[in-house]
Amino acid sequence: MVQEDVAFIFKLADVDNSGTLTAKEFRDAIELLRSRYPQIDIYLQRQHMKDVLRIVDNNSGSEDKNEVLLDIEEFKKSLVKVDSQMKALPATAQVF
């Protein structure tokens, strides 16, 4: 993922401009990312994750939508973890 995209999406998701994302803001950010980065869905499927909050290392399992989960560095770290788990997708056949 492009670092500029991550920073832009974090800023969009940080609705209250607190510099951190709540559980709800994180879920909303991941929804924005999923359309542009299909590797997120692949990662979630491979890891058998039903809740995107499990991507976050410091997630205590709380369902409080207002609980602060992460700052931008933790957000980036979570997305780098998703990217690092991805292997190259199979090549497609050339059309002649």
Protein backbone atom coordinates (compact mmCIF):
# COMPACT_ATOMS: atom_id res chain seq x y z
CA MET A 1 0.00 0.00 0.00
CA VAL A 2 1.15 3.49 -0.72
CA GLN A 3 2.06 5.43 2.44
CA GLU A 4 0.34 8.57 1.15
CA ASP A 5 -2.89 6.62 0.71
CA VAL A 6 -2.68 5.30 4.26
CA ALA A 7 -2.12 8.79 5.69
CA PHE A 8 -4.98 10.21 3.61
CA ILE A 9 -7.39 7.45 4.63
CA PHE A 10 -6.38 7.81 8.29
CA LYS A 11 -7.14 11.52 8.11
CA LEU A 12 -10.53 10.84 6.51
CA ALA A 13 -11.36 8.17 9.08
CA ASP A 14 -10.34 10.34 12.04
CA VAL A 15 -13.72 12.06 12.06
CA ASP A 16 -13.20 13.75 15.43
CA ASN A 17 -9.66 14.92 14.50
CA SER A 18 -8.25 13.37 17.67
CA GLY A 19 -5.19 11.87 16.01
CA THR A 20 -6.41 8.39 16.92
CA LEU A 21 -9.04 6.03 15.55
CA THR A 22 -11.86 4.52 17.55
CA ALA A 23 -13.17 1.05 16.75
CA LYS A 24 -15.89 2.56 14.55
CA GLU A 25 -13.47 4.87 12.76
CA PHE A 26 -11.09 1.95 12.15
CA ARG A 27 -13.86 -0.20 10.69
CA ASP A 28 -14.90 2.71 8.44
CA ALA A 29 -11.29 3.19 7.31
CA ILE A 30 -10.93 -0.50 6.46
CA GLU A 31 -14.13 -0.33 4.43
CA LEU A 32 -12.60 2.53 2.42
CA LEU A 33 -9.42 0.51 1.92
CA ARG A 34 -11.12 -2.76 0.98
CA SER A 35 -12.43 -1.42 -2.31
CA ARG A 36 -8.99 -0.22 -3.37
CA TYR A 37 -6.87 -2.97 -1.82
CA PRO A 38 -8.39 -6.44 -2.28
CA GLN A 39 -5.49 -7.98 -0.36
CA ILE A 40 -7.27 -6.94 2.84
CA ASP A 41 -10.14 -9.32 2.10
CA ILE A 42 -7.73 -12.07 1.11
CA TYR A 43 -5.81 -11.59 4.37
CA LEU A 44 -9.00 -11.68 6.44
CA GLN A 45 -10.10 -14.89 4.72
CA ARG A 46 -6.71 -16.58 5.12
CA GLN A 47 -6.55 -15.65 8.80
CA HIS A 48 -10.20 -16.70 9.33
CA MET A 49 -11.03 -13.27 10.70
CA LYS A 50 -14.63 -12.18 10.75
CA ASP A 51 -13.98 -8.87 12.48
CA VAL A 52 -11.49 -6.42 10.96
CA LEU A 53 -10.58 -5.23 14.47
CA ARG A 54 -8.53 -8.40 14.86
CA ILE A 55 -6.01 -6.91 12.43
CA VAL A 56 -4.98 -4.52 15.20
CA ASP A 57 -2.32 -5.99 17.50
CA ASN A 58 -3.46 -4.07 20.56
CA ASN A 59 -7.15 -4.96 20.19
CA SER A 60 -8.34 -6.13 23.57
CA GLY A 61 -11.53 -7.52 22.08
CA SER A 62 -13.66 -4.68 23.37
CA GLU A 63 -16.70 -3.86 21.32
CA ASP A 64 -16.88 -0.27 22.59
CA LYS A 65 -17.18 1.71 19.36
CA ASN A 66 -15.78 4.81 21.08
CA GLU A 67 -12.71 3.10 22.50
CA VAL A 68 -9.48 4.49 21.07
CA LEU A 69 -7.63 1.75 19.25
CA LEU A 70 -4.69 3.24 17.45
CA ASP A 71 -2.79 6.24 16.19
CA ILE A 72 -1.49 6.64 12.65
CA GLU A 73 1.70 4.66 13.31
CA GLU A 74 -0.28 1.72 14.70
CA PHE A 75 -2.68 2.03 11.76
CA LYS A 76 0.24 1.82 9.31
CA LYS A 77 1.74 -1.10 11.24
CA SER A 78 -1.55 -3.01 11.02
CA LEU A 79 -1.74 -2.46 7.26
CA VAL A 80 1.92 -3.38 6.74
CA LYS A 81 1.15 -6.65 8.54
CA VAL A 82 -1.64 -7.32 6.03
CA ASP A 83 0.63 -6.49 3.09
CA SER A 84 3.52 -8.59 4.39
CA GLN A 85 1.32 -11.68 4.56
CA MET A 86 0.44 -11.43 0.89
CA LYS A 87 2.19 -13.53 -1.69
CA ALA A 88 2.22 -12.59 -5.32
CA LEU A 89 -1.02 -13.32 -7.08
CA PRO A 90 -0.83 -15.81 -9.95
CA ALA A 91 -0.04 -14.38 -13.35
CA THR A 92 -2.81 -14.16 -15.90
CA ALA A 93 -2.59 -15.49 -19.42
CA GLN A 94 -1.59 -13.14 -22.18
CA VAL A 95 -4.27 -12.35 -24.75
CA PHE A 96 -3.06 -12.53 -28.35
